PDB file of N, CA and C in Angstrom:
ATOM      1  N   MET A   1      37.581 -59.652 -14.022  1.00  0.00           N
ATOM      2  CA  MET A   1      38.419 -60.715 -14.518  1.00  0.00           C
ATOM      3  C   MET A   1      37.651 -61.594 -15.501  1.00  0.00           C
ATOM      4  N   ALA A   2      36.419 -61.925 -15.170  1.00  0.00           N
ATOM      5  CA  ALA A   2      35.620 -62.746 -16.079  1.00  0.00           C
ATOM      6  C   ALA A   2      35.350 -61.997 -17.380  1.00  0.00           C
ATOM      7  N   TYR A   3      35.205 -60.686 -17.293  1.00  0.00           N
ATOM      8  CA  TYR A   3      35.002 -59.880 -18.494  1.00  0.00           C
ATOM      9  C   TYR A   3      36.220 -59.957 -19.406  1.00  0.00           C
ATOM     10  N   LEU A   4      37.409 -59.895 -18.804  1.00  0.00           N
ATOM     11  CA  LEU A   4      38.629 -59.958 -19.601  1.00  0.00           C
ATOM     12  C   LEU A   4      38.745 -61.294 -20.334  1.00  0.00           C
ATOM     13  N   THR A   5      38.457 -62.384 -19.638  1.00  0.00           N
ATOM     14  CA  THR A   5      38.566 -63.693 -20.279  1.00  0.00           C
ATOM     15  C   THR A   5      37.476 -63.913 -21.307  1.00  0.00           C
ATOM     16  N   THR A   6      36.307 -63.349 -21.103  1.00  0.00           N
ATOM     17  CA  THR A   6      35.220 -63.509 -22.065  1.00  0.00           C
ATOM     18  C   THR A   6      35.450 -62.659 -23.307  1.00  0.00           C
ATOM     19  N   PHE A   7      35.870 -61.438 -23.117  1.00  0.00           N
ATOM     20  CA  PHE A   7      36.001 -60.516 -24.232  1.00  0.00           C
ATOM     21  C   PHE A   7      37.303 -60.722 -25.008  1.00  0.00           C
ATOM     22  N   TYR A   8      38.375 -61.074 -24.323  1.00  0.00           N
ATOM     23  CA  TYR A   8      39.687 -61.205 -24.952  1.00  0.00           C
ATOM     24  C   TYR A   8      40.152 -62.653 -25.061  1.00  0.00           C
ATOM     25  N   TRP A   9      39.242 -63.598 -25.212  1.00  0.00           N
ATOM     26  CA  TRP A   9      39.641 -65.001 -25.257  1.00  0.00           C
ATOM     27  C   TRP A   9      40.548 -65.285 -26.456  1.00  0.00           C
ATOM     28  N   GLY A  10      40.359 -64.607 -27.547  1.00  0.00           N
ATOM     29  CA  GLY A  10      41.216 -64.805 -28.717  1.00  0.00           C
ATOM     30  C   GLY A  10      42.649 -64.355 -28.454  1.00  0.00           C
ATOM     31  N   TRP A  11      42.794 -63.218 -27.806  1.00  0.00           N
ATOM     32  CA  TRP A  11      44.119 -62.719 -27.473  1.00  0.00           C
ATOM     33  C   TRP A  11      44.797 -63.613 -26.442  1.00  0.00           C
ATOM     34  N   LEU A  12      44.029 -64.124 -25.494  1.00  0.00           N
ATOM     35  CA  LEU A  12      44.594 -65.021 -24.494  1.00  0.00           C
ATOM     36  C   LEU A  12      45.021 -66.336 -25.128  1.00  0.00           C
ATOM     37  N   LEU A  13      44.211 -66.835 -26.058  1.00  0.00           N
ATOM     38  CA  LEU A  13      44.578 -68.047 -26.781  1.00  0.00           C
ATOM     39  C   LEU A  13      45.839 -67.812 -27.608  1.00  0.00           C
ATOM     40  N   ALA A  14      45.935 -66.653 -28.240  1.00  0.00           N
ATOM     41  CA  ALA A  14      47.126 -66.328 -29.021  1.00  0.00           C
ATOM     42  C   ALA A  14      48.368 -66.243 -28.137  1.00  0.00           C
ATOM     43  N   SER A  15      48.236 -65.702 -26.938  1.00  0.00           N
ATOM     44  CA  SER A  15      49.398 -65.618 -26.050  1.00  0.00           C
ATOM     45  C   SER A  15      49.820 -67.004 -25.573  1.00  0.00           C
ATOM     46  N   VAL A  16      48.867 -67.912 -25.337  1.00  0.00           N
ATOM     47  CA  VAL A  16      49.214 -69.284 -24.962  1.00  0.00           C
ATOM     48  C   VAL A  16      49.918 -69.981 -26.117  1.00  0.00           C
ATOM     49  N   LEU A  17      49.378 -69.833 -27.330  1.00  0.00           N
ATOM     50  CA  LEU A  17      49.982 -70.492 -28.486  1.00  0.00           C
ATOM     51  C   LEU A  17      51.362 -69.920 -28.801  1.00  0.00           C
ATOM     52  N   LEU A  18      51.533 -68.619 -28.672  1.00  0.00           N
ATOM     53  CA  LEU A  18      52.843 -68.016 -28.878  1.00  0.00           C
ATOM     54  C   LEU A  18      53.832 -68.506 -27.819  1.00  0.00           C
ATOM     55  N   GLY A  19      53.384 -68.586 -26.588  1.00  0.00           N
ATOM     56  CA  GLY A  19      54.237 -69.116 -25.526  1.00  0.00           C
ATOM     57  C   GLY A  19      54.598 -70.571 -25.767  1.00  0.00           C
ATOM     58  N   PHE A  20      53.632 -71.356 -26.252  1.00  0.00           N
ATOM     59  CA  PHE A  20      53.907 -72.757 -26.573  1.00  0.00           C
ATOM     60  C   PHE A  20      54.975 -72.859 -27.655  1.00  0.00           C
ATOM     61  N   ALA A  21      54.840 -72.045 -28.695  1.00  0.00           N
ATOM     62  CA  ALA A  21      55.822 -72.069 -29.788  1.00  0.00           C
ATOM     63  C   ALA A  21      57.195 -71.640 -29.292  1.00  0.00           C
ATOM     64  N   MET A  22      57.272 -70.609 -28.479  1.00  0.00           N
ATOM     65  CA  MET A  22      58.563 -70.156 -27.976  1.00  0.00           C
ATOM     66  C   MET A  22      59.172 -71.164 -27.002  1.00  0.00           C
ATOM     67  N   GLY A  23      58.346 -71.830 -26.212  1.00  0.00           N
ATOM     68  CA  GLY A  23      58.847 -72.877 -25.328  1.00  0.00           C
ATOM     69  C   GLY A  23      59.362 -74.064 -26.111  1.00  0.00           C
ATOM     70  N   TRP A  24      58.703 -74.392 -27.195  1.00  0.00           N
ATOM     71  CA  TRP A  24      59.130 -75.502 -28.040  1.00  0.00           C
ATOM     72  C   TRP A  24      60.486 -75.187 -28.682  1.00  0.00           C
ATOM     73  N   ILE A  25      60.665 -73.951 -29.133  1.00  0.00           N
ATOM     74  CA  ILE A  25      61.896 -73.558 -29.802  1.00  0.00           C
ATOM     75  C   ILE A  25      63.040 -73.376 -28.802  1.00  0.00           C
ATOM     76  N   SER A  26      62.767 -72.878 -27.625  1.00  0.00           N
ATOM     77  CA  SER A  26      63.830 -72.482 -26.708  1.00  0.00           C
ATOM     78  C   SER A  26      64.602 -73.647 -26.120  1.00  0.00           C
ATOM     79  N   VAL A  27      64.077 -74.855 -26.147  1.00  0.00           N
ATOM     80  CA  VAL A  27      64.801 -75.994 -25.592  1.00  0.00           C
ATOM     81  C   VAL A  27      66.034 -76.286 -26.438  1.00  0.00           C
ATOM     82  N   VAL A  28      65.946 -76.041 -27.722  1.00  0.00           N
ATOM     83  CA  VAL A  28      67.044 -76.335 -28.628  1.00  0.00           C
ATOM     84  C   VAL A  28      68.191 -75.359 -28.430  1.00  0.00           C
ATOM     85  N   GLN A  29      67.898 -74.142 -28.064  1.00  0.00           N
ATOM     86  CA  GLN A  29      68.905 -73.098 -27.928  1.00  0.00           C
ATOM     87  C   GLN A  29      69.604 -73.222 -26.573  1.00  0.00           C
ATOM     88  N   HIS A  30      70.920 -73.206 -26.587  1.00  0.00           N
ATOM     89  CA  HIS A  30      71.682 -73.327 -25.346  1.00  0.00           C
ATOM     90  C   HIS A  30      72.480 -72.049 -25.117  1.00  0.00           C
ATOM     91  N   GLY A  31      71.787 -70.978 -24.811  1.00  0.00           N
ATOM     92  CA  GLY A  31      72.442 -69.705 -24.552  1.00  0.00           C
ATOM     93  C   GLY A  31      72.880 -69.596 -23.103  1.00  0.00           C
ATOM     94  N   LYS A  32      73.454 -68.441 -22.763  1.00  0.00           N
ATOM     95  CA  LYS A  32      73.920 -68.219 -21.402  1.00  0.00           C
ATOM     96  C   LYS A  32      72.773 -67.968 -20.432  1.00  0.00           C
ATOM     97  N   GLY A  33      71.670 -67.466 -20.918  1.00  0.00           N
ATOM     98  CA  GLY A  33      70.554 -67.179 -20.035  1.00  0.00           C
ATOM     99  C   GLY A  33      70.607 -65.757 -19.501  1.00  0.00           C
ATOM    100  N   VAL A  34      69.728 -65.476 -18.591  1.00  0.00           N
ATOM    101  CA  VAL A  34      69.617 -64.141 -18.005  1.00  0.00           C
ATOM    102  C   VAL A  34      70.530 -64.074 -16.776  1.00  0.00           C
ATOM    103  N   PRO A  35      71.340 -63.024 -16.654  1.00  0.00           N
ATOM    104  CA  PRO A  35      72.203 -62.891 -15.472  1.00  0.00           C
ATOM    105  C   PRO A  35      71.371 -62.803 -14.184  1.00  0.00           C
ATOM    106  N   ARG A  36      71.995 -63.209 -13.095  1.00  0.00           N
ATOM    107  CA  ARG A  36      71.292 -63.304 -11.807  1.00  0.00           C
ATOM    108  C   ARG A  36      70.714 -61.964 -11.346  1.00  0.00           C
ATOM    109  N   LYS A  37      71.472 -60.876 -11.459  1.00  0.00           N
ATOM    110  CA  LYS A  37      70.975 -59.565 -11.011  1.00  0.00           C
ATOM    111  C   LYS A  37      69.777 -59.115 -11.837  1.00  0.00           C
ATOM    112  N   LEU A  38      69.857 -59.328 -13.148  1.00  0.00           N
ATOM    113  CA  LEU A  38      68.738 -58.951 -14.009  1.00  0.00           C
ATOM    114  C   LEU A  38      67.517 -59.819 -13.729  1.00  0.00           C
ATOM    115  N   ARG A  39      67.745 -61.091 -13.444  1.00  0.00           N
ATOM    116  CA  ARG A  39      66.631 -61.983 -13.097  1.00  0.00           C
ATOM    117  C   ARG A  39      65.917 -61.507 -11.840  1.00  0.00           C
ATOM    118  N   TRP A  40      66.687 -61.094 -10.841  1.00  0.00           N
ATOM    119  CA  TRP A  40      66.071 -60.583  -9.608  1.00  0.00           C
ATOM    120  C   TRP A  40      65.331 -59.274  -9.866  1.00  0.00           C
ATOM    121  N   ALA A  41      65.898 -58.419 -10.700  1.00  0.00           N
ATOM    122  CA  ALA A  41      65.249 -57.145 -11.005  1.00  0.00           C
ATOM    123  C   ALA A  41      63.937 -57.370 -11.763  1.00  0.00           C
ATOM    124  N   LEU A  42      63.952 -58.290 -12.717  1.00  0.00           N
ATOM    125  CA  LEU A  42      62.720 -58.594 -13.456  1.00  0.00           C
ATOM    126  C   LEU A  42      61.671 -59.238 -12.563  1.00  0.00           C
ATOM    127  N   SER A  43      62.105 -60.105 -11.656  1.00  0.00           N
ATOM    128  CA  SER A  43      61.166 -60.715 -10.711  1.00  0.00           C
ATOM    129  C   SER A  43      60.552 -59.669  -9.791  1.00  0.00           C
ATOM    130  N   ALA A  44      61.358 -58.729  -9.341  1.00  0.00           N
ATOM    131  CA  ALA A  44      60.846 -57.650  -8.490  1.00  0.00           C
ATOM    132  C   ALA A  44      59.872 -56.763  -9.258  1.00  0.00           C
ATOM    133  N   LEU A  45      60.171 -56.503 -10.532  1.00  0.00           N
ATOM    134  CA  LEU A  45      59.265 -55.697 -11.358  1.00  0.00           C
ATOM    135  C   LEU A  45      57.922 -56.393 -11.534  1.00  0.00           C
ATOM    136  N   VAL A  46      57.942 -57.675 -11.832  1.00  0.00           N
ATOM    137  CA  VAL A  46      56.687 -58.421 -11.992  1.00  0.00           C
ATOM    138  C   VAL A  46      55.922 -58.471 -10.676  1.00  0.00           C
ATOM    139  N   ALA A  47      56.623 -58.673  -9.573  1.00  0.00           N
ATOM    140  CA  ALA A  47      55.954 -58.698  -8.267  1.00  0.00           C
ATOM    141  C   ALA A  47      55.333 -57.337  -7.942  1.00  0.00           C
ATOM    142  N   ALA A  48      56.031 -56.250  -8.263  1.00  0.00           N
ATOM    143  CA  ALA A  48      55.484 -54.912  -8.020  1.00  0.00           C
ATOM    144  C   ALA A  48      54.262 -54.657  -8.891  1.00  0.00           C
ATOM    145  N   LEU A  49      54.313 -55.082 -10.152  1.00  0.00           N
ATOM    146  CA  LEU A  49      53.151 -54.902 -11.030  1.00  0.00           C
ATOM    147  C   LEU A  49      51.960 -55.741 -10.555  1.00  0.00           C
ATOM    148  N   MET A  50      52.219 -56.947 -10.101  1.00  0.00           N
ATOM    149  CA  MET A  50      51.130 -57.771  -9.580  1.00  0.00           C
ATOM    150  C   MET A  50      50.548 -57.176  -8.302  1.00  0.00           C
ATOM    151  N   GLY A  51      51.412 -56.642  -7.460  1.00  0.00           N
ATOM    152  CA  GLY A  51      50.928 -55.979  -6.254  1.00  0.00           C
ATOM    153  C   GLY A  51      50.084 -54.755  -6.573  1.00  0.00           C
ATOM    154  N   ALA A  52      50.503 -53.984  -7.566  1.00  0.00           N
ATOM    155  CA  ALA A  52      49.725 -52.813  -7.971  1.00  0.00           C
ATOM    156  C   ALA A  52      48.383 -53.217  -8.556  1.00  0.00           C
ATOM    157  N   ALA A  53      48.361 -54.318  -9.299  1.00  0.00           N
ATOM    158  CA  ALA A  53      47.099 -54.782  -9.875  1.00  0.00           C
ATOM    159  C   ALA A  53      46.163 -55.310  -8.797  1.00  0.00           C
ATOM    160  N   LEU A  54      46.706 -56.057  -7.839  1.00  0.00           N
ATOM    161  CA  LEU A  54      45.855 -56.599  -6.772  1.00  0.00           C
ATOM    162  C   LEU A  54      45.348 -55.515  -5.828  1.00  0.00           C
ATOM    163  N   ALA A  55      46.173 -54.500  -5.584  1.00  0.00           N
ATOM    164  CA  ALA A  55      45.763 -53.407  -4.701  1.00  0.00           C
ATOM    165  C   ALA A  55      44.938 -52.356  -5.439  1.00  0.00           C
ATOM    166  N   ARG A  56      44.810 -52.495  -6.753  1.00  0.00           N
ATOM    167  CA  ARG A  56      44.065 -51.560  -7.601  1.00  0.00           C
ATOM    168  C   ARG A  56      44.572 -50.130  -7.438  1.00  0.00           C
ATOM    169  N   VAL A  57      45.888 -50.017  -7.496  1.00  0.00           N
ATOM    170  CA  VAL A  57      46.537 -48.718  -7.369  1.00  0.00           C
ATOM    171  C   VAL A  57      46.368 -47.904  -8.648  1.00  0.00           C
ATOM    172  N   VAL A  58      46.393 -48.592  -9.776  1.00  0.00           N
ATOM    173  CA  VAL A  58      46.305 -47.917 -11.071  1.00  0.00           C
ATOM    174  C   VAL A  58      44.830 -47.877 -11.490  1.00  0.00           C
ATOM    175  N   PRO A  59      44.221 -46.697 -11.563  1.00  0.00           N
ATOM    176  CA  PRO A  59      42.794 -46.615 -11.877  1.00  0.00           C
ATOM    177  C   PRO A  59      42.532 -46.518 -13.385  1.00  0.00           C
ATOM    178  N   GLY A  60      41.297 -46.757 -13.756  1.00  0.00           N
ATOM    179  CA  GLY A  60      40.826 -46.493 -15.107  1.00  0.00           C
ATOM    180  C   GLY A  60      41.381 -47.397 -16.180  1.00  0.00           C
ATOM    181  N   ARG A  61      41.570 -46.803 -17.337  1.00  0.00           N
ATOM    182  CA  ARG A  61      42.002 -47.545 -18.520  1.00  0.00           C
ATOM    183  C   ARG A  61      43.375 -48.181 -18.333  1.00  0.00           C
ATOM    184  N   PHE A  62      44.296 -47.475 -17.684  1.00  0.00           N
ATOM    185  CA  PHE A  62      45.638 -48.022 -17.508  1.00  0.00           C
ATOM    186  C   PHE A  62      45.635 -49.205 -16.550  1.00  0.00           C
ATOM    187  N   GLY A  63      44.786 -49.187 -15.551  1.00  0.00           N
ATOM    188  CA  GLY A  63      44.631 -50.344 -14.675  1.00  0.00           C
ATOM    189  C   GLY A  63      44.054 -51.541 -15.412  1.00  0.00           C
ATOM    190  N   TYR A  64      43.123 -51.271 -16.300  1.00  0.00           N
ATOM    191  CA  TYR A  64      42.536 -52.310 -17.142  1.00  0.00           C
ATOM    192  C   TYR A  64      43.601 -52.932 -18.037  1.00  0.00           C
ATOM    193  N   TRP A  65      44.440 -52.103 -18.641  1.00  0.00           N
ATOM    194  CA  TRP A  65      45.522 -52.597 -19.493  1.00  0.00           C
ATOM    195  C   TRP A  65      46.551 -53.371 -18.674  1.00  0.00           C
ATOM    196  N   LEU A  66      46.806 -52.905 -17.460  1.00  0.00           N
ATOM    197  CA  LEU A  66      47.744 -53.617 -16.588  1.00  0.00           C
ATOM    198  C   LEU A  66      47.223 -55.007 -16.271  1.00  0.00           C
ATOM    199  N   ASP A  67      45.953 -55.112 -15.917  1.00  0.00           N
ATOM    200  CA  ASP A  67      45.363 -56.416 -15.639  1.00  0.00           C
ATOM    201  C   ASP A  67      45.419 -57.322 -16.858  1.00  0.00           C
ATOM    202  N   LEU A  68      45.051 -56.788 -18.005  1.00  0.00           N
ATOM    203  CA  LEU A  68      45.070 -57.582 -19.229  1.00  0.00           C
ATOM    204  C   LEU A  68      46.489 -58.016 -19.585  1.00  0.00           C
ATOM    205  N   GLY A  69      47.449 -57.120 -19.445  1.00  0.00           N
ATOM    206  CA  GLY A  69      48.841 -57.467 -19.741  1.00  0.00           C
ATOM    207  C   GLY A  69      49.391 -58.537 -18.812  1.00  0.00           C
ATOM    208  N   LEU A  70      49.035 -58.452 -17.542  1.00  0.00           N
ATOM    209  CA  LEU A  70      49.504 -59.465 -16.599  1.00  0.00           C
ATOM    210  C   LEU A  70      48.859 -60.823 -16.867  1.00  0.00           C
ATOM    211  N   ILE A  71      47.599 -60.821 -17.226  1.00  0.00           N
ATOM    212  CA  ILE A  71      46.932 -62.085 -17.554  1.00  0.00           C
ATOM    213  C   ILE A  71      47.554 -62.694 -18.808  1.00  0.00           C
ATOM    214  N   MET A  72      47.793 -61.864 -19.807  1.00  0.00           N
ATOM    215  CA  MET A  72      48.408 -62.366 -21.041  1.00  0.00           C
ATOM    216  C   MET A  72      49.828 -62.865 -20.779  1.00  0.00           C
ATOM    217  N   PHE A  73      50.573 -62.184 -19.922  1.00  0.00           N
ATOM    218  CA  PHE A  73      51.923 -62.614 -19.575  1.00  0.00           C
ATOM    219  C   PHE A  73      51.897 -63.959 -18.845  1.00  0.00           C
ATOM    220  N   GLY A  74      50.937 -64.129 -17.944  1.00  0.00           N
ATOM    221  CA  GLY A  74      50.796 -65.404 -17.249  1.00  0.00           C
ATOM    222  C   GLY A  74      50.444 -66.543 -18.200  1.00  0.00           C
ATOM    223  N   PHE A  75      49.534 -66.284 -19.132  1.00  0.00           N
ATOM    224  CA  PHE A  75      49.178 -67.296 -20.123  1.00  0.00           C
ATOM    225  C   PHE A  75      50.382 -67.623 -21.005  1.00  0.00           C
ATOM    226  N   TYR A  76      51.152 -66.611 -21.373  1.00  0.00           N
ATOM    227  CA  TYR A  76      52.349 -66.810 -22.184  1.00  0.00           C
ATOM    228  C   TYR A  76      53.352 -67.696 -21.446  1.00  0.00           C
ATOM    229  N   LEU A  77      53.578 -67.428 -20.168  1.00  0.00           N
ATOM    230  CA  LEU A  77      54.522 -68.227 -19.388  1.00  0.00           C
ATOM    231  C   LEU A  77      54.041 -69.664 -19.238  1.00  0.00           C
ATOM    232  N   CYS A  78      52.738 -69.856 -19.066  1.00  0.00           N
ATOM    233  CA  CYS A  78      52.203 -71.227 -18.995  1.00  0.00           C
ATOM    234  C   CYS A  78      52.405 -71.946 -20.325  1.00  0.00           C
ATOM    235  N   GLY A  79      52.174 -71.262 -21.427  1.00  0.00           N
ATOM    236  CA  GLY A  79      52.418 -71.855 -22.744  1.00  0.00           C
ATOM    237  C   GLY A  79      53.883 -72.192 -22.937  1.00  0.00           C
ATOM    238  N   CYS A  80      54.781 -71.323 -22.467  1.00  0.00           N
ATOM    239  CA  CYS A  80      56.221 -71.600 -22.553  1.00  0.00           C
ATOM    240  C   CYS A  80      56.586 -72.854 -21.760  1.00  0.00           C
ATOM    241  N   ALA A  81      56.033 -72.978 -20.572  1.00  0.00           N
ATOM    242  CA  ALA A  81      56.341 -74.133 -19.738  1.00  0.00           C
ATOM    243  C   ALA A  81      55.853 -75.423 -20.381  1.00  0.00           C
ATOM    244  N   VAL A  82      54.644 -75.414 -20.904  1.00  0.00           N
ATOM    245  CA  VAL A  82      54.101 -76.611 -21.535  1.00  0.00           C
ATOM    246  C   VAL A  82      54.874 -76.953 -22.812  1.00  0.00           C
ATOM    247  N   GLY A  83      55.191 -75.950 -23.612  1.00  0.00           N
ATOM    248  CA  GLY A  83      55.932 -76.188 -24.847  1.00  0.00           C
ATOM    249  C   GLY A  83      57.317 -76.753 -24.595  1.00  0.00           C
ATOM    250  N   SER A  84      58.033 -76.202 -23.631  1.00  0.00           N
ATOM    251  CA  SER A  84      59.377 -76.708 -23.346  1.00  0.00           C
ATOM    252  C   SER A  84      59.321 -78.096 -22.726  1.00  0.00           C
ATOM    253  N   TRP A  85      58.330 -78.347 -21.885  1.00  0.00           N
ATOM    254  CA  TRP A  85      58.187 -79.674 -21.293  1.00  0.00           C
ATOM    255  C   TRP A  85      57.872 -80.713 -22.362  1.00  0.00           C
ATOM    256  N   LEU A  86      56.965 -80.392 -23.276  1.00  0.00           N
ATOM    257  CA  LEU A  86      56.634 -81.339 -24.340  1.00  0.00           C
ATOM    258  C   LEU A  86      57.818 -81.565 -25.279  1.00  0.00           C
ATOM    259  N   ARG A  87      58.545 -80.509 -25.609  1.00  0.00           N
ATOM    260  CA  ARG A  87      59.711 -80.665 -26.475  1.00  0.00           C
ATOM    261  C   ARG A  87      60.758 -81.547 -25.803  1.00  0.00           C
ATOM    262  N   ASP A  88      60.998 -81.335 -24.531  1.00  0.00           N
ATOM    263  CA  ASP A  88      61.955 -82.157 -23.795  1.00  0.00           C
ATOM    264  C   ASP A  88      61.491 -83.607 -23.766  1.00  0.00           C
ATOM    265  N   TRP A  89      60.212 -83.818 -23.567  1.00  0.00           N
ATOM    266  CA  TRP A  89      59.658 -85.170 -23.527  1.00  0.00           C
ATOM    267  C   TRP A  89      59.796 -85.860 -24.876  1.00  0.00           C
ATOM    268  N   VAL A  90      59.503 -85.167 -25.970  1.00  0.00           N
ATOM    269  CA  VAL A  90      59.605 -85.747 -27.313  1.00  0.00           C
ATOM    270  C   VAL A  90      61.055 -86.040 -27.669  1.00  0.00           C
ATOM    271  N   VAL A  91      61.960 -85.102 -27.371  1.00  0.00           N
ATOM    272  CA  VAL A  91      63.370 -85.299 -27.695  1.00  0.00           C
ATOM    273  C   VAL A  91      63.968 -86.434 -26.865  1.00  0.00           C
ATOM    274  N   SER A  92      63.620 -86.529 -25.602  1.00  0.00           N
ATOM    275  CA  SER A  92      64.186 -87.581 -24.761  1.00  0.00           C
ATOM    276  C   SER A  92      63.654 -88.957 -25.154  1.00  0.00           C
ATOM    277  N   ARG A  93      62.443 -89.028 -25.679  1.00  0.00           N
ATOM    278  CA  ARG A  93      61.894 -90.320 -26.113  1.00  0.00           C
ATOM    279  C   ARG A  93      62.509 -90.792 -27.410  1.00  0.00           C
ATOM    280  N   SER A  94      62.860 -89.843 -28.290  1.00  0.00           N
ATOM    281  CA  SER A  94      63.393 -90.235 -29.596  1.00  0.00           C
ATOM    282  C   SER A  94      64.911 -90.382 -29.590  1.00  0.00           C
ATOM    283  N   ALA A  95      65.575 -90.057 -28.498  1.00  0.00           N
ATOM    284  CA  ALA A  95      67.036 -90.190 -28.423  1.00  0.00           C
ATOM    285  C   ALA A  95      67.410 -91.666 -28.316  1.00  0.00           C
ATOM    286  N   PRO A  96      68.436 -92.078 -29.047  1.00  0.00           N
ATOM    287  CA  PRO A  96      68.848 -93.488 -28.958  1.00  0.00           C
ATOM    288  C   PRO A  96      69.444 -93.800 -27.590  1.00  0.00           C
ATOM    289  N   SER A  97      69.189 -94.981 -27.119  1.00  0.00           N
ATOM    290  CA  SER A  97      69.716 -95.359 -25.808  1.00  0.00           C
ATOM    291  C   SER A  97      71.190 -95.751 -25.954  1.00  0.00           C
ATOM    292  N   ALA A  98      71.978 -95.372 -24.957  1.00  0.00           N
ATOM    293  CA  ALA A  98      73.422 -95.609 -25.038  1.00  0.00           C
ATOM    294  C   ALA A  98      73.818 -96.950 -24.488  1.00  0.00           C
TER     295      ALA A  98
END
């Protein structure tokens, strides 16, 4: 894990910044969102991939890519959360009081 963060720090930083940008943009968009069944299926897929990574089921290069992809996905989600929170905070502060 320390090797991944040391060697791929640029890619991890890029995933955080991309997540921040997407979180900043997504607050403005008011779409329908992800349907409940698909949300559960995606959550189960992520949980299964995390379980496979923690149990080291996938050996070699593909296991390495799985670990790196999950770390980048986690950094992306953290960037999305921070970006959307900051956008909400900025928009709510600049809104005129009623």
